[in-house]
Amino acid sequence: MKIITAKTAGFCFGVRRAVDEVYRLIHEGAGPIYTLGPVIHNETVVRDLEEKGVRVIAEPEIPQIRKGTVVIRSHGVGKEIYEMIESQGLRCADVTCPFVLKIHRIVEKESLAGGHIVIIGDPDHAEVKGICGWCTGTFTVIRDSCDARAFQLPDAPKICVVSQTTFNHNKFQELVEILKEKSYDNHVLNTFSIINTICSATEERQKEAQEIASQVDTMLVIGGRHSSNTHKLYEICLEECENTYYIQTPVDLDSEMFHCGSYVGITAGASTPKKIIEEVQEHVRVKF
């Protein structure tokens, strides 16, 4: 069995930084420790943190906390959440990804200047909700081509377009073209400011996954079932290799996945620990 594993597979900078900080807080004895949502979309890591006393909470629970440290994960949160944590007198450990913080600064600045913000991404994703929380004026979230075509150009001096950091790069370009066509039709192209805020590591990971999937007989995409960036990797790989599988651990593997040939590609989402990737590699090598 020939196996090729993506060099970009596994923890990205932002996720590694967030996880390391939570373990540092545990070692420091900064308890009780709360994370706003799972600090990582990986059940194994989250379970280990819970066993060490870290509690996952939702934003509405903050007013109920009397003491401790609240960790803002890499996805980031809206401005009002910082204010809520401060008003409770709680310690805030902010590990928002720097790429996400950059978007917060952009949308806040453009909103204050009177611009309308267009966020390309999943409106239900924590990162996008956080970005919306920094828009001081009007904004629109566009998920797909249907949303883009339905978008009505607002009466604003400027329209600023940004993207969720983990969005599919090719789809971002597709949606931007639809928006540009609207502006051409309405002769207001000069009001558009389009900023590609997709994380460079995400873009590299997607390109490498696509390249590997185009060469192999079977493609394995490893990641937590709630991981947005892993789902996007799966979609990209599936377009290149119809024998693509989304798995979480070696337990999900079975012989039927490898009936098409002997060349296997492996990639993994930004929340997948190196240990799990290595376990999948070894399982494929030994068992199949």
C-alpha atoms as a PDB file:
ATOM      1  CA  MET A   1       0.000   0.000   0.000  1.00  0.00           C
ATOM      2  CA  LYS A   2       1.498   3.319  -1.079  1.00  0.00           C
ATOM      3  CA  ILE A   3       0.584   6.238   1.190  1.00  0.00           C
ATOM      4  CA  ILE A   4       1.077   9.972   0.704  1.00  0.00           C
ATOM      5  CA  THR A   5       0.265  12.316   3.592  1.00  0.00           C
ATOM      6  CA  ALA A   6      -0.193  16.053   3.159  1.00  0.00           C
ATOM      7  CA  LYS A   7       2.604  18.108   4.721  1.00  0.00           C
ATOM      8  CA  THR A   8       0.009  20.692   5.798  1.00  0.00           C
ATOM      9  CA  ALA A   9      -2.201  18.146   7.579  1.00  0.00           C
ATOM     10  CA  GLY A  10      -2.955  18.752  11.250  1.00  0.00           C
ATOM     11  CA  PHE A  11      -2.894  21.615  13.721  1.00  0.00           C
ATOM     12  CA  CYS A  12      -2.680  25.104  12.255  1.00  0.00           C
ATOM     13  CA  PHE A  13      -0.873  27.889  14.123  1.00  0.00           C
ATOM     14  CA  GLY A  14      -4.063  29.352  15.614  1.00  0.00           C
ATOM     15  CA  VAL A  15      -5.412  26.048  16.940  1.00  0.00           C
ATOM     16  CA  ARG A  16      -2.060  24.930  18.351  1.00  0.00           C
ATOM     17  CA  ARG A  17      -1.672  28.296  20.082  1.00  0.00           C
ATOM     18  CA  ALA A  18      -5.159  28.032  21.625  1.00  0.00           C
ATOM     19  CA  VAL A  19      -4.726  24.464  22.862  1.00  0.00           C
ATOM     20  CA  ASP A  20      -1.262  25.179  24.279  1.00  0.00           C
ATOM     21  CA  GLU A  21      -2.620  28.189  26.164  1.00  0.00           C
ATOM     22  CA  VAL A  22      -5.385  26.167  27.836  1.00  0.00           C
ATOM     23  CA  TYR A  23      -2.885  23.524  28.967  1.00  0.00           C
ATOM     24  CA  ARG A  24      -0.625  26.335  30.239  1.00  0.00           C
ATOM     25  CA  LEU A  25      -3.515  27.776  32.269  1.00  0.00           C
ATOM     26  CA  ILE A  26      -4.180  24.331  33.744  1.00  0.00           C
ATOM     27  CA  HIS A  27      -0.523  23.991  34.735  1.00  0.00           C
ATOM     28  CA  GLU A  28      -0.587  27.499  36.182  1.00  0.00           C
ATOM     29  CA  GLY A  29      -3.582  26.603  38.320  1.00  0.00           C
ATOM     30  CA  ALA A  30      -5.726  29.384  36.894  1.00  0.00           C
ATOM     31  CA  GLY A  31      -8.953  27.582  37.673  1.00  0.00           C
ATOM     32  CA  PRO A  32     -11.769  27.405  37.316  1.00  0.00           C
ATOM     33  CA  ILE A  33     -11.215  27.546  33.542  1.00  0.00           C
ATOM     34  CA  TYR A  34     -14.012  27.952  31.006  1.00  0.00           C
ATOM     35  CA  THR A  35     -13.806  27.901  27.197  1.00  0.00           C
ATOM     36  CA  LEU A  36     -16.425  29.627  25.074  1.00  0.00           C
ATOM     37  CA  GLY A  37     -17.308  26.609  22.999  1.00  0.00           C
ATOM     38  CA  PRO A  38     -14.875  23.705  22.460  1.00  0.00           C
ATOM     39  CA  VAL A  39     -11.371  25.146  22.144  1.00  0.00           C
ATOM     40  CA  ILE A  40     -10.799  22.651  19.330  1.00  0.00           C
ATOM     41  CA  HIS A  41     -13.109  20.544  17.150  1.00  0.00           C
ATOM     42  CA  ASN A  42     -11.572  17.300  18.306  1.00  0.00           C
ATOM     43  CA  GLU A  43     -13.423  15.142  20.793  1.00  0.00           C
ATOM     44  CA  THR A  44     -10.277  13.450  22.147  1.00  0.00           C
ATOM     45  CA  VAL A  45      -8.588  16.718  23.106  1.00  0.00           C
ATOM     46  CA  VAL A  46     -11.782  18.259  24.496  1.00  0.00           C
ATOM     47  CA  ARG A  47     -12.384  15.166  26.625  1.00  0.00           C
ATOM     48  CA  ASP A  48      -8.850  15.337  28.019  1.00  0.00           C
ATOM     49  CA  LEU A  49      -9.315  19.009  28.927  1.00  0.00           C
ATOM     50  CA  GLU A  50     -12.633  18.240  30.626  1.00  0.00           C
ATOM     51  CA  GLU A  51     -10.938  15.542  32.693  1.00  0.00           C
ATOM     52  CA  LYS A  52      -8.464  18.202  33.807  1.00  0.00           C
ATOM     53  CA  GLY A  53     -11.310  20.453  34.981  1.00  0.00           C
ATOM     54  CA  VAL A  54     -11.873  22.690  31.954  1.00  0.00           C
ATOM     55  CA  ARG A  55     -15.559  23.389  31.355  1.00  0.00           C
ATOM     56  CA  VAL A  56     -17.051  24.265  27.958  1.00  0.00           C
ATOM     57  CA  ILE A  57     -19.693  26.991  28.179  1.00  0.00           C
ATOM     58  CA  ALA A  58     -21.869  29.047  25.836  1.00  0.00           C
ATOM     59  CA  GLU A  59     -21.869  32.851  25.803  1.00  0.00           C
ATOM     60  CA  PRO A  60     -25.239  33.208  27.641  1.00  0.00           C
ATOM     61  CA  GLU A  61     -23.699  31.397  30.638  1.00  0.00           C
ATOM     62  CA  ILE A  62     -21.073  34.102  31.282  1.00  0.00           C
ATOM     63  CA  PRO A  63     -23.302  36.187  33.628  1.00  0.00           C
ATOM     64  CA  GLN A  64     -23.678  33.119  35.857  1.00  0.00           C
ATOM     65  CA  ILE A  65     -19.918  32.796  36.471  1.00  0.00           C
ATOM     66  CA  ARG A  66     -18.543  34.472  39.583  1.00  0.00           C
ATOM     67  CA  LYS A  67     -14.815  33.769  39.286  1.00  0.00           C
ATOM     68  CA  GLY A  68     -12.239  32.132  37.065  1.00  0.00           C
ATOM     69  CA  THR A  69     -10.727  32.433  33.598  1.00  0.00           C
ATOM     70  CA  VAL A  70     -12.747  32.546  30.389  1.00  0.00           C
ATOM     71  CA  VAL A  71     -10.872  31.444  27.269  1.00  0.00           C
ATOM     72  CA  ILE A  72     -11.873  33.014  23.964  1.00  0.00           C
ATOM     73  CA  ARG A  73     -10.964  30.356  21.433  1.00  0.00           C
ATOM     74  CA  SER A  74      -9.318  30.901  18.030  1.00  0.00           C
ATOM     75  CA  HIS A  75     -12.683  31.528  16.313  1.00  0.00           C
ATOM     76  CA  GLY A  76     -13.028  34.853  18.148  1.00  0.00           C
ATOM     77  CA  VAL A  77     -16.140  36.565  19.518  1.00  0.00           C
ATOM     78  CA  GLY A  78     -18.028  39.822  19.132  1.00  0.00           C
ATOM     79  CA  LYS A  79     -17.081  42.999  20.974  1.00  0.00           C
ATOM     80  CA  GLU A  80     -19.960  42.669  23.441  1.00  0.00           C
ATOM     81  CA  ILE A  81     -18.560  39.381  24.785  1.00  0.00           C
ATOM     82  CA  TYR A  82     -15.360  41.081  25.932  1.00  0.00           C
ATOM     83  CA  GLU A  83     -17.487  43.665  27.698  1.00  0.00           C
ATOM     84  CA  MET A  84     -19.567  40.937  29.349  1.00  0.00           C
ATOM     85  CA  ILE A  85     -16.480  39.117  30.643  1.00  0.00           C
ATOM     86  CA  GLU A  86     -15.030  42.363  32.005  1.00  0.00           C
ATOM     87  CA  SER A  87     -18.284  43.353  33.703  1.00  0.00           C
ATOM     88  CA  GLN A  88     -18.262  40.027  35.565  1.00  0.00           C
ATOM     89  CA  GLY A  89     -14.749  40.696  36.839  1.00  0.00           C
ATOM     90  CA  LEU A  90     -13.452  37.555  35.170  1.00  0.00           C
ATOM     91  CA  ARG A  91     -10.001  36.953  33.756  1.00  0.00           C
ATOM     92  CA  CYS A  92      -9.985  36.794  29.948  1.00  0.00           C
ATOM     93  CA  ALA A  93      -7.523  34.589  28.058  1.00  0.00           C
ATOM     94  CA  ASP A  94      -7.897  35.722  24.463  1.00  0.00           C
ATOM     95  CA  VAL A  95      -6.440  33.244  21.969  1.00  0.00           C
ATOM     96  CA  THR A  96      -8.342  34.501  18.933  1.00  0.00           C
ATOM     97  CA  CYS A  97      -6.403  33.627  15.794  1.00  0.00           C
ATOM     98  CA  PRO A  98      -4.444  36.681  14.527  1.00  0.00           C
ATOM     99  CA  PHE A  99      -5.986  36.195  11.076  1.00  0.00           C
ATOM    100  CA  VAL A 100      -9.455  36.462  12.623  1.00  0.00           C
ATOM    101  CA  LEU A 101      -8.463  39.514  14.683  1.00  0.00           C
ATOM    102  CA  LYS A 102      -7.388  41.172  11.437  1.00  0.00           C
ATOM    103  CA  ILE A 103     -10.930  40.730  10.080  1.00  0.00           C
ATOM    104  CA  HIS A 104     -12.391  42.202  13.269  1.00  0.00           C
ATOM    105  CA  ARG A 105     -10.269  45.319  12.801  1.00  0.00           C
ATOM    106  CA  ILE A 106     -11.233  45.618   9.127  1.00  0.00           C
ATOM    107  CA  VAL A 107     -14.995  45.344   9.601  1.00  0.00           C
ATOM    108  CA  GLU A 108     -15.010  47.652  12.610  1.00  0.00           C
ATOM    109  CA  LYS A 109     -13.068  50.323  10.711  1.00  0.00           C
ATOM    110  CA  GLU A 110     -15.150  50.028   7.534  1.00  0.00           C
ATOM    111  CA  SER A 111     -18.405  49.999   9.520  1.00  0.00           C
ATOM    112  CA  LEU A 112     -17.458  53.152  11.422  1.00  0.00           C
ATOM    113  CA  ALA A 113     -16.716  54.788   8.052  1.00  0.00           C
ATOM    114  CA  GLY A 114     -20.298  54.075   6.979  1.00  0.00           C
ATOM    115  CA  GLY A 115     -19.604  51.065   4.806  1.00  0.00           C
ATOM    116  CA  HIS A 116     -21.788  47.985   4.379  1.00  0.00           C
ATOM    117  CA  ILE A 117     -19.954  44.773   5.296  1.00  0.00           C
ATOM    118  CA  VAL A 118     -20.367  41.569   3.281  1.00  0.00           C
ATOM    119  CA  ILE A 119     -19.037  38.469   5.044  1.00  0.00           C
ATOM    120  CA  ILE A 120     -18.620  35.403   2.844  1.00  0.00           C
ATOM    121  CA  GLY A 121     -18.971  32.349   5.061  1.00  0.00           C
ATOM    122  CA  ASP A 122     -21.294  30.161   7.092  1.00  0.00           C
ATOM    123  CA  PRO A 123     -23.673  32.351   9.153  1.00  0.00           C
ATOM    124  CA  ASP A 124     -23.948  29.594  11.773  1.00  0.00           C
ATOM    125  CA  HIS A 125     -20.188  29.282  12.295  1.00  0.00           C
ATOM    126  CA  ALA A 126     -18.699  30.750  15.485  1.00  0.00           C
ATOM    127  CA  GLU A 127     -16.062  32.708  13.583  1.00  0.00           C
ATOM    128  CA  VAL A 128     -18.634  34.411  11.369  1.00  0.00           C
ATOM    129  CA  LYS A 129     -20.854  35.226  14.353  1.00  0.00           C
ATOM    130  CA  GLY A 130     -17.853  36.820  16.013  1.00  0.00           C
ATOM    131  CA  ILE A 131     -17.067  38.903  12.913  1.00  0.00           C
ATOM    132  CA  CYS A 132     -20.677  40.101  12.805  1.00  0.00           C
ATOM    133  CA  GLY A 133     -20.206  41.261  16.391  1.00  0.00           C
ATOM    134  CA  TRP A 134     -17.620  43.823  15.244  1.00  0.00           C
ATOM    135  CA  CYS A 135     -19.849  45.362  12.571  1.00  0.00           C
ATOM    136  CA  THR A 136     -21.193  48.617  13.983  1.00  0.00           C
ATOM    137  CA  GLY A 137     -23.448  49.237  10.981  1.00  0.00           C
ATOM    138  CA  THR A 138     -25.240  47.125   8.370  1.00  0.00           C
ATOM    139  CA  PHE A 139     -23.845  43.815   7.181  1.00  0.00           C
ATOM    140  CA  THR A 140     -24.791  40.770   5.113  1.00  0.00           C
ATOM    141  CA  VAL A 141     -23.541  37.180   5.372  1.00  0.00           C
ATOM    142  CA  ILE A 142     -23.323  35.293   2.076  1.00  0.00           C
ATOM    143  CA  ARG A 143     -23.005  31.513   2.258  1.00  0.00           C
ATOM    144  CA  ASP A 144     -23.391  30.427  -1.374  1.00  0.00           C
ATOM    145  CA  SER A 145     -24.197  31.466  -4.943  1.00  0.00           C
ATOM    146  CA  CYS A 146     -27.927  31.705  -4.176  1.00  0.00           C
ATOM    147  CA  ASP A 147     -27.218  34.245  -1.435  1.00  0.00           C
ATOM    148  CA  ALA A 148     -24.834  36.133  -3.701  1.00  0.00           C
ATOM    149  CA  ARG A 149     -27.370  36.408  -6.525  1.00  0.00           C
ATOM    150  CA  ALA A 150     -30.114  37.470  -4.102  1.00  0.00           C
ATOM    151  CA  PHE A 151     -27.926  40.187  -2.578  1.00  0.00           C
ATOM    152  CA  GLN A 152     -29.291  43.684  -3.129  1.00  0.00           C
ATOM    153  CA  LEU A 153     -26.707  46.435  -3.398  1.00  0.00           C
ATOM    154  CA  PRO A 154     -27.255  48.681  -0.369  1.00  0.00           C
ATOM    155  CA  ASP A 155     -27.319  52.447  -0.313  1.00  0.00           C
ATOM    156  CA  ALA A 156     -23.882  52.797   1.257  1.00  0.00           C
ATOM    157  CA  PRO A 157     -20.789  54.799   0.263  1.00  0.00           C
ATOM    158  CA  LYS A 158     -18.716  51.621   0.268  1.00  0.00           C
ATOM    159  CA  ILE A 159     -19.206  47.857   0.315  1.00  0.00           C
ATOM    160  CA  CYS A 160     -16.439  45.918   2.026  1.00  0.00           C
ATOM    161  CA  VAL A 161     -16.229  42.172   1.293  1.00  0.00           C
ATOM    162  CA  VAL A 162     -14.311  39.832   3.630  1.00  0.00           C
ATOM    163  CA  SER A 163     -14.266  36.066   4.101  1.00  0.00           C
ATOM    164  CA  GLN A 164     -14.380  33.499   6.856  1.00  0.00           C
ATOM    165  CA  THR A 165     -10.746  32.387   7.259  1.00  0.00           C
ATOM    166  CA  THR A 166     -11.524  28.719   6.531  1.00  0.00           C
ATOM    167  CA  PHE A 167     -13.787  29.281   3.523  1.00  0.00           C
ATOM    168  CA  ASN A 168     -13.176  27.366   0.290  1.00  0.00           C
ATOM    169  CA  HIS A 169     -10.826  29.565  -1.761  1.00  0.00           C
ATOM    170  CA  ASN A 170     -12.337  28.619  -5.132  1.00  0.00           C
ATOM    171  CA  LYS A 171     -15.881  29.247  -3.900  1.00  0.00           C
ATOM    172  CA  PHE A 172     -14.822  32.617  -2.508  1.00  0.00           C
ATOM    173  CA  GLN A 173     -13.579  33.634  -5.957  1.00  0.00           C
ATOM    174  CA  GLU A 174     -16.824  32.377  -7.519  1.00  0.00           C
ATOM    175  CA  LEU A 175     -18.993  34.417  -5.136  1.00  0.00           C
ATOM    176  CA  VAL A 176     -16.831  37.508  -5.600  1.00  0.00           C
ATOM    177  CA  GLU A 177     -17.372  37.291  -9.372  1.00  0.00           C
ATOM    178  CA  ILE A 178     -21.149  37.214  -8.858  1.00  0.00           C
ATOM    179  CA  LEU A 179     -20.925  40.314  -6.669  1.00  0.00           C
ATOM    180  CA  LYS A 180     -18.717  42.056  -9.218  1.00  0.00           C
ATOM    181  CA  GLU A 181     -21.266  41.346 -11.961  1.00  0.00           C
ATOM    182  CA  LYS A 182     -23.924  43.045  -9.847  1.00  0.00           C
ATOM    183  CA  SER A 183     -21.740  46.090  -9.436  1.00  0.00           C
ATOM    184  CA  TYR A 184     -20.998  46.229 -13.171  1.00  0.00           C
ATOM    185  CA  ASP A 185     -24.705  46.057 -13.940  1.00  0.00           C
ATOM    186  CA  ASN A 186     -25.365  48.926 -11.537  1.00  0.00           C
ATOM    187  CA  HIS A 187     -22.268  50.941 -12.470  1.00  0.00           C
ATOM    188  CA  VAL A 188     -21.008  51.090  -8.891  1.00  0.00           C
ATOM    189  CA  LEU A 189     -17.851  48.977  -9.127  1.00  0.00           C
ATOM    190  CA  ASN A 190     -15.801  51.705  -7.464  1.00  0.00           C
ATOM    191  CA  THR A 191     -17.765  51.252  -4.205  1.00  0.00           C
ATOM    192  CA  PHE A 192     -16.487  47.678  -3.743  1.00  0.00           C
ATOM    193  CA  SER A 193     -13.509  46.777  -1.579  1.00  0.00           C
ATOM    194  CA  ILE A 194     -12.813  43.044  -1.757  1.00  0.00           C
ATOM    195  CA  ILE A 195     -10.361  41.660   0.811  1.00  0.00           C
ATOM    196  CA  ASN A 196      -9.449  37.981   0.663  1.00  0.00           C
ATOM    197  CA  THR A 197      -9.151  37.151   4.357  1.00  0.00           C
ATOM    198  CA  ILE A 198      -8.914  33.375   3.911  1.00  0.00           C
ATOM    199  CA  CYS A 199      -6.036  32.180   6.076  1.00  0.00           C
ATOM    200  CA  SER A 200      -2.907  31.473   4.017  1.00  0.00           C
ATOM    201  CA  ALA A 201      -2.457  28.149   5.850  1.00  0.00           C
ATOM    202  CA  THR A 202      -6.041  27.184   4.956  1.00  0.00           C
ATOM    203  CA  GLU A 203      -5.456  28.020   1.303  1.00  0.00           C
ATOM    204  CA  GLU A 204      -2.226  25.989   1.218  1.00  0.00           C
ATOM    205  CA  ARG A 205      -3.930  23.058   2.948  1.00  0.00           C
ATOM    206  CA  GLN A 206      -6.797  23.094   0.429  1.00  0.00           C
ATOM    207  CA  LYS A 207      -4.472  23.289  -2.590  1.00  0.00           C
ATOM    208  CA  GLU A 208      -2.283  20.446  -1.341  1.00  0.00           C
ATOM    209  CA  ALA A 209      -5.316  18.265  -0.548  1.00  0.00           C
ATOM    210  CA  GLN A 210      -6.717  18.898  -4.030  1.00  0.00           C
ATOM    211  CA  GLU A 211      -3.405  17.994  -5.653  1.00  0.00           C
ATOM    212  CA  ILE A 212      -3.022  14.761  -3.685  1.00  0.00           C
ATOM    213  CA  ALA A 213      -6.651  13.719  -4.245  1.00  0.00           C
ATOM    214  CA  SER A 214      -6.188  14.082  -8.009  1.00  0.00           C
ATOM    215  CA  GLN A 215      -3.403  11.461  -7.923  1.00  0.00           C
ATOM    216  CA  VAL A 216      -4.628   8.741  -5.569  1.00  0.00           C
ATOM    217  CA  ASP A 217      -7.125   5.853  -5.646  1.00  0.00           C
ATOM    218  CA  THR A 218      -8.456   6.501  -2.134  1.00  0.00           C
ATOM    219  CA  MET A 219      -8.422   9.775  -0.183  1.00  0.00           C
ATOM    220  CA  LEU A 220      -8.832   9.970   3.591  1.00  0.00           C
ATOM    221  CA  VAL A 221      -9.762  13.261   5.249  1.00  0.00           C
ATOM    222  CA  ILE A 222      -9.320  13.211   9.034  1.00  0.00           C
ATOM    223  CA  GLY A 223     -11.093  15.585  11.401  1.00  0.00           C
ATOM    224  CA  GLY A 224     -13.790  16.157  13.997  1.00  0.00           C
ATOM    225  CA  ARG A 225     -17.344  15.920  12.745  1.00  0.00           C
ATOM    226  CA  HIS A 226     -18.016  19.567  13.683  1.00  0.00           C
ATOM    227  CA  SER A 227     -14.887  20.949  12.002  1.00  0.00           C
ATOM    228  CA  SER A 228     -15.796  23.443   9.271  1.00  0.00           C
ATOM    229  CA  ASN A 229     -12.377  23.445   7.622  1.00  0.00           C
ATOM    230  CA  THR A 230     -12.306  19.628   7.527  1.00  0.00           C
ATOM    231  CA  HIS A 231     -15.706  19.531   5.819  1.00  0.00           C
ATOM    232  CA  LYS A 232     -14.356  21.906   3.169  1.00  0.00           C
ATOM    233  CA  LEU A 233     -11.290  19.709   2.667  1.00  0.00           C
ATOM    234  CA  TYR A 234     -13.604  16.735   2.193  1.00  0.00           C
ATOM    235  CA  GLU A 235     -15.654  18.593  -0.445  1.00  0.00           C
ATOM    236  CA  ILE A 236     -12.505  19.619  -2.325  1.00  0.00           C
ATOM    237  CA  CYS A 237     -11.061  16.107  -2.283  1.00  0.00           C
ATOM    238  CA  LEU A 238     -14.350  14.513  -3.313  1.00  0.00           C
ATOM    239  CA  GLU A 239     -14.361  16.614  -6.484  1.00  0.00           C
ATOM    240  CA  GLU A 240     -10.997  15.093  -7.432  1.00  0.00           C
ATOM    241  CA  CYS A 241     -11.386  11.567  -6.061  1.00  0.00           C
ATOM    242  CA  GLU A 242     -14.808   9.926  -5.814  1.00  0.00           C
ATOM    243  CA  ASN A 243     -13.356   7.386  -3.380  1.00  0.00           C
ATOM    244  CA  THR A 244     -12.914  10.014  -0.626  1.00  0.00           C
ATOM    245  CA  TYR A 245     -13.801   9.297   3.012  1.00  0.00           C
ATOM    246  CA  TYR A 246     -14.277  11.565   6.031  1.00  0.00           C
ATOM    247  CA  ILE A 247     -13.008   9.852   9.182  1.00  0.00           C
ATOM    248  CA  GLN A 248     -12.276  10.870  12.774  1.00  0.00           C
ATOM    249  CA  THR A 249      -9.986   8.080  13.993  1.00  0.00           C
ATOM    250  CA  PRO A 250      -8.564   4.742  12.736  1.00  0.00           C
ATOM    251  CA  VAL A 251     -11.698   3.052  14.124  1.00  0.00           C
ATOM    252  CA  ASP A 252     -13.639   4.475  11.157  1.00  0.00           C
ATOM    253  CA  LEU A 253     -11.488   2.635   8.602  1.00  0.00           C
ATOM    254  CA  ASP A 254     -12.605  -0.540   6.853  1.00  0.00           C
ATOM    255  CA  SER A 255     -11.363  -2.628   3.925  1.00  0.00           C
ATOM    256  CA  GLU A 256     -14.126  -1.447   1.554  1.00  0.00           C
ATOM    257  CA  MET A 257     -12.473   1.971   1.419  1.00  0.00           C
ATOM    258  CA  PHE A 258      -9.449   0.514  -0.368  1.00  0.00           C
ATOM    259  CA  HIS A 259     -11.044  -1.689  -3.021  1.00  0.00           C
ATOM    260  CA  CYS A 260     -10.240   0.779  -5.824  1.00  0.00           C
ATOM    261  CA  GLY A 261      -6.455   0.467  -5.700  1.00  0.00           C
ATOM    262  CA  SER A 262      -3.318   0.714  -3.621  1.00  0.00           C
ATOM    263  CA  TYR A 263      -2.455   4.443  -3.659  1.00  0.00           C
ATOM    264  CA  VAL A 264      -3.862   6.257  -0.616  1.00  0.00           C
ATOM    265  CA  GLY A 265      -3.797   9.968   0.153  1.00  0.00           C
ATOM    266  CA  ILE A 266      -4.249  11.413   3.647  1.00  0.00           C
ATOM    267  CA  THR A 267      -4.971  14.936   4.794  1.00  0.00           C
ATOM    268  CA  ALA A 268      -6.431  16.353   7.993  1.00  0.00           C
ATOM    269  CA  GLY A 269      -8.210  19.410   9.296  1.00  0.00           C
ATOM    270  CA  ALA A 270      -6.642  22.121  11.425  1.00  0.00           C
ATOM    271  CA  SER A 271      -7.999  20.561  14.639  1.00  0.00           C
ATOM    272  CA  THR A 272      -6.545  17.091  14.121  1.00  0.00           C
ATOM    273  CA  PRO A 273      -3.667  16.124  16.460  1.00  0.00           C
ATOM    274  CA  LYS A 274      -0.512  14.719  14.871  1.00  0.00           C
ATOM    275  CA  LYS A 275      -0.926  11.546  16.925  1.00  0.00           C
ATOM    276  CA  ILE A 276      -4.239  10.670  15.243  1.00  0.00           C
ATOM    277  CA  ILE A 277      -2.790  11.292  11.765  1.00  0.00           C
ATOM    278  CA  GLU A 278       0.107   8.959  12.559  1.00  0.00           C
ATOM    279  CA  GLU A 279      -2.268   6.305  13.926  1.00  0.00           C
ATOM    280  CA  VAL A 280      -4.317   6.406  10.691  1.00  0.00           C
ATOM    281  CA  GLN A 281      -1.146   6.121   8.598  1.00  0.00           C
ATOM    282  CA  GLU A 282       0.062   3.125  10.573  1.00  0.00           C
ATOM    283  CA  HIS A 283      -3.369   1.439  10.541  1.00  0.00           C
ATOM    284  CA  VAL A 284      -3.630   1.723   6.757  1.00  0.00           C
ATOM    285  CA  ARG A 285      -0.080   0.480   6.310  1.00  0.00           C
ATOM    286  CA  VAL A 286      -0.485  -2.542   8.602  1.00  0.00           C
ATOM    287  CA  LYS A 287      -4.120  -3.563   8.142  1.00  0.00           C
ATOM    288  CA  PHE A 288      -4.687  -2.975   4.451  1.00  0.00           C
END
